[in-house]
Amino acid sequence: MVKGLALSDVSKVTGLSEDEMREIARSYAGSRKRLIALTSGAAENTKSLNNFLAAANLVLLMGDAPETLQ
C-alpha cells in the first residue's frame, strides 16, 4: 500500500489486474537493464510533475541512478 492506495484501487483506475501489476513489477525489478520512457503526453496534464518525480523515484529505488538519469 502506498499513501493509502491499495493495489485493488490502482487496478480499478488502470484497468490492469492485480496479477498483471505484480508480474510487471517482478519483471521490471528482475531485469538487468531497465528503461522508463515518458512521452510528451506525460507532461500535458495537471499531474505532470508527479509523473516525472514518480519515474525518477523508481529509478532511484532500483539503484539505477544517478548515471542512468539522462
C-alpha atoms as a PDB file:
ATOM      1  CA  MET A   1       0.000   0.000   0.000  1.00  0.00           C
ATOM      2  CA  VAL A   2       1.293   3.446  -0.927  1.00  0.00           C
ATOM      3  CA  LYS A   3      -0.197   6.501   0.755  1.00  0.00           C
ATOM      4  CA  GLY A   4      -3.494   4.773   1.376  1.00  0.00           C
ATOM      5  CA  LEU A   5      -3.786   3.254  -2.106  1.00  0.00           C
ATOM      6  CA  ALA A   6      -4.275  -0.473  -2.197  1.00  0.00           C
ATOM      7  CA  LEU A   7      -3.340  -2.500  -5.261  1.00  0.00           C
ATOM      8  CA  SER A   8      -7.048  -3.072  -5.852  1.00  0.00           C
ATOM      9  CA  ASP A   9      -7.573   0.713  -6.088  1.00  0.00           C
ATOM     10  CA  VAL A  10      -4.814   1.059  -8.679  1.00  0.00           C
ATOM     11  CA  SER A  11      -6.263  -1.900 -10.579  1.00  0.00           C
ATOM     12  CA  LYS A  12      -9.614  -0.149 -10.903  1.00  0.00           C
ATOM     13  CA  VAL A  13      -8.029   3.048 -12.219  1.00  0.00           C
ATOM     14  CA  THR A  14      -5.563   1.450 -14.652  1.00  0.00           C
ATOM     15  CA  GLY A  15      -7.633  -1.439 -15.925  1.00  0.00           C
ATOM     16  CA  LEU A  16      -4.795  -3.849 -15.151  1.00  0.00           C
ATOM     17  CA  SER A  17      -5.477  -6.790 -12.909  1.00  0.00           C
ATOM     18  CA  GLU A  18      -3.601  -7.077  -9.633  1.00  0.00           C
ATOM     19  CA  ASP A  19      -1.814 -10.149 -11.007  1.00  0.00           C
ATOM     20  CA  GLU A  20      -0.733  -8.212 -14.119  1.00  0.00           C
ATOM     21  CA  MET A  21       0.687  -5.412 -11.967  1.00  0.00           C
ATOM     22  CA  ARG A  22       2.578  -7.896  -9.803  1.00  0.00           C
ATOM     23  CA  GLU A  23       4.034  -9.574 -12.898  1.00  0.00           C
ATOM     24  CA  ILE A  24       5.085  -6.216 -14.367  1.00  0.00           C
ATOM     25  CA  ALA A  25       6.737  -5.251 -11.066  1.00  0.00           C
ATOM     26  CA  ARG A  26       8.593  -8.580 -10.863  1.00  0.00           C
ATOM     27  CA  SER A  27       9.721  -8.288 -14.464  1.00  0.00           C
ATOM     28  CA  TYR A  28      10.916  -4.697 -14.019  1.00  0.00           C
ATOM     29  CA  ALA A  29      12.713  -5.411 -10.753  1.00  0.00           C
ATOM     30  CA  GLY A  30      14.333  -8.563 -12.131  1.00  0.00           C
ATOM     31  CA  SER A  31      15.614  -7.017 -15.355  1.00  0.00           C
ATOM     32  CA  ARG A  32      19.314  -6.405 -15.734  1.00  0.00           C
ATOM     33  CA  LYS A  33      18.628  -3.295 -17.812  1.00  0.00           C
ATOM     34  CA  ARG A  34      15.576  -1.105 -17.335  1.00  0.00           C
ATOM     35  CA  LEU A  35      14.053   1.771 -19.272  1.00  0.00           C
ATOM     36  CA  ILE A  36      11.279   4.181 -18.397  1.00  0.00           C
ATOM     37  CA  ALA A  37      10.044   6.078 -21.444  1.00  0.00           C
ATOM     38  CA  LEU A  38       7.876   9.132 -20.881  1.00  0.00           C
ATOM     39  CA  THR A  39       6.291  10.806 -23.875  1.00  0.00           C
ATOM     40  CA  SER A  40       5.242  14.418 -24.134  1.00  0.00           C
ATOM     41  CA  GLY A  41       1.765  13.309 -23.071  1.00  0.00           C
ATOM     42  CA  ALA A  42       3.128  12.694 -19.582  1.00  0.00           C
ATOM     43  CA  ALA A  43       3.761  16.437 -19.316  1.00  0.00           C
ATOM     44  CA  GLU A  44       0.434  17.612 -20.686  1.00  0.00           C
ATOM     45  CA  ASN A  45      -1.737  17.398 -17.601  1.00  0.00           C
ATOM     46  CA  THR A  46      -2.035  18.845 -14.129  1.00  0.00           C
ATOM     47  CA  LYS A  47      -0.071  15.968 -12.594  1.00  0.00           C
ATOM     48  CA  SER A  48       2.880  16.155 -14.995  1.00  0.00           C
ATOM     49  CA  LEU A  49       5.478  16.934 -12.340  1.00  0.00           C
ATOM     50  CA  ASN A  50       4.261  13.976 -10.279  1.00  0.00           C
ATOM     51  CA  ASN A  51       4.666  11.690 -13.326  1.00  0.00           C
ATOM     52  CA  PHE A  52       8.312  12.651 -13.719  1.00  0.00           C
ATOM     53  CA  LEU A  53       9.041  12.547  -9.993  1.00  0.00           C
ATOM     54  CA  ALA A  54       7.496   9.074  -9.745  1.00  0.00           C
ATOM     55  CA  ALA A  55       9.658   7.843 -12.622  1.00  0.00           C
ATOM     56  CA  ALA A  56      12.794   9.354 -11.068  1.00  0.00           C
ATOM     57  CA  ASN A  57      11.931   7.875  -7.670  1.00  0.00           C
ATOM     58  CA  LEU A  58      11.501   4.426  -9.225  1.00  0.00           C
ATOM     59  CA  VAL A  59      14.919   4.713 -10.872  1.00  0.00           C
ATOM     60  CA  LEU A  60      16.458   5.735  -7.541  1.00  0.00           C
ATOM     61  CA  LEU A  61      14.626   2.972  -5.670  1.00  0.00           C
ATOM     62  CA  MET A  62      16.068   0.377  -8.044  1.00  0.00           C
ATOM     63  CA  GLY A  63      19.581   1.747  -7.518  1.00  0.00           C
ATOM     64  CA  ASP A  64      19.986   2.715 -11.170  1.00  0.00           C
ATOM     65  CA  ALA A  65      20.951   6.341 -10.644  1.00  0.00           C
ATOM     66  CA  PRO A  66      22.326   8.931 -10.950  1.00  0.00           C
ATOM     67  CA  GLU A  67      24.334   7.958 -14.031  1.00  0.00           C
ATOM     68  CA  THR A  68      21.267   6.480 -15.730  1.00  0.00           C
ATOM     69  CA  LEU A  69      19.178   9.643 -15.383  1.00  0.00           C
ATOM     70  CA  GLN A  70      19.627  11.412 -18.705  1.00  0.00           C
END
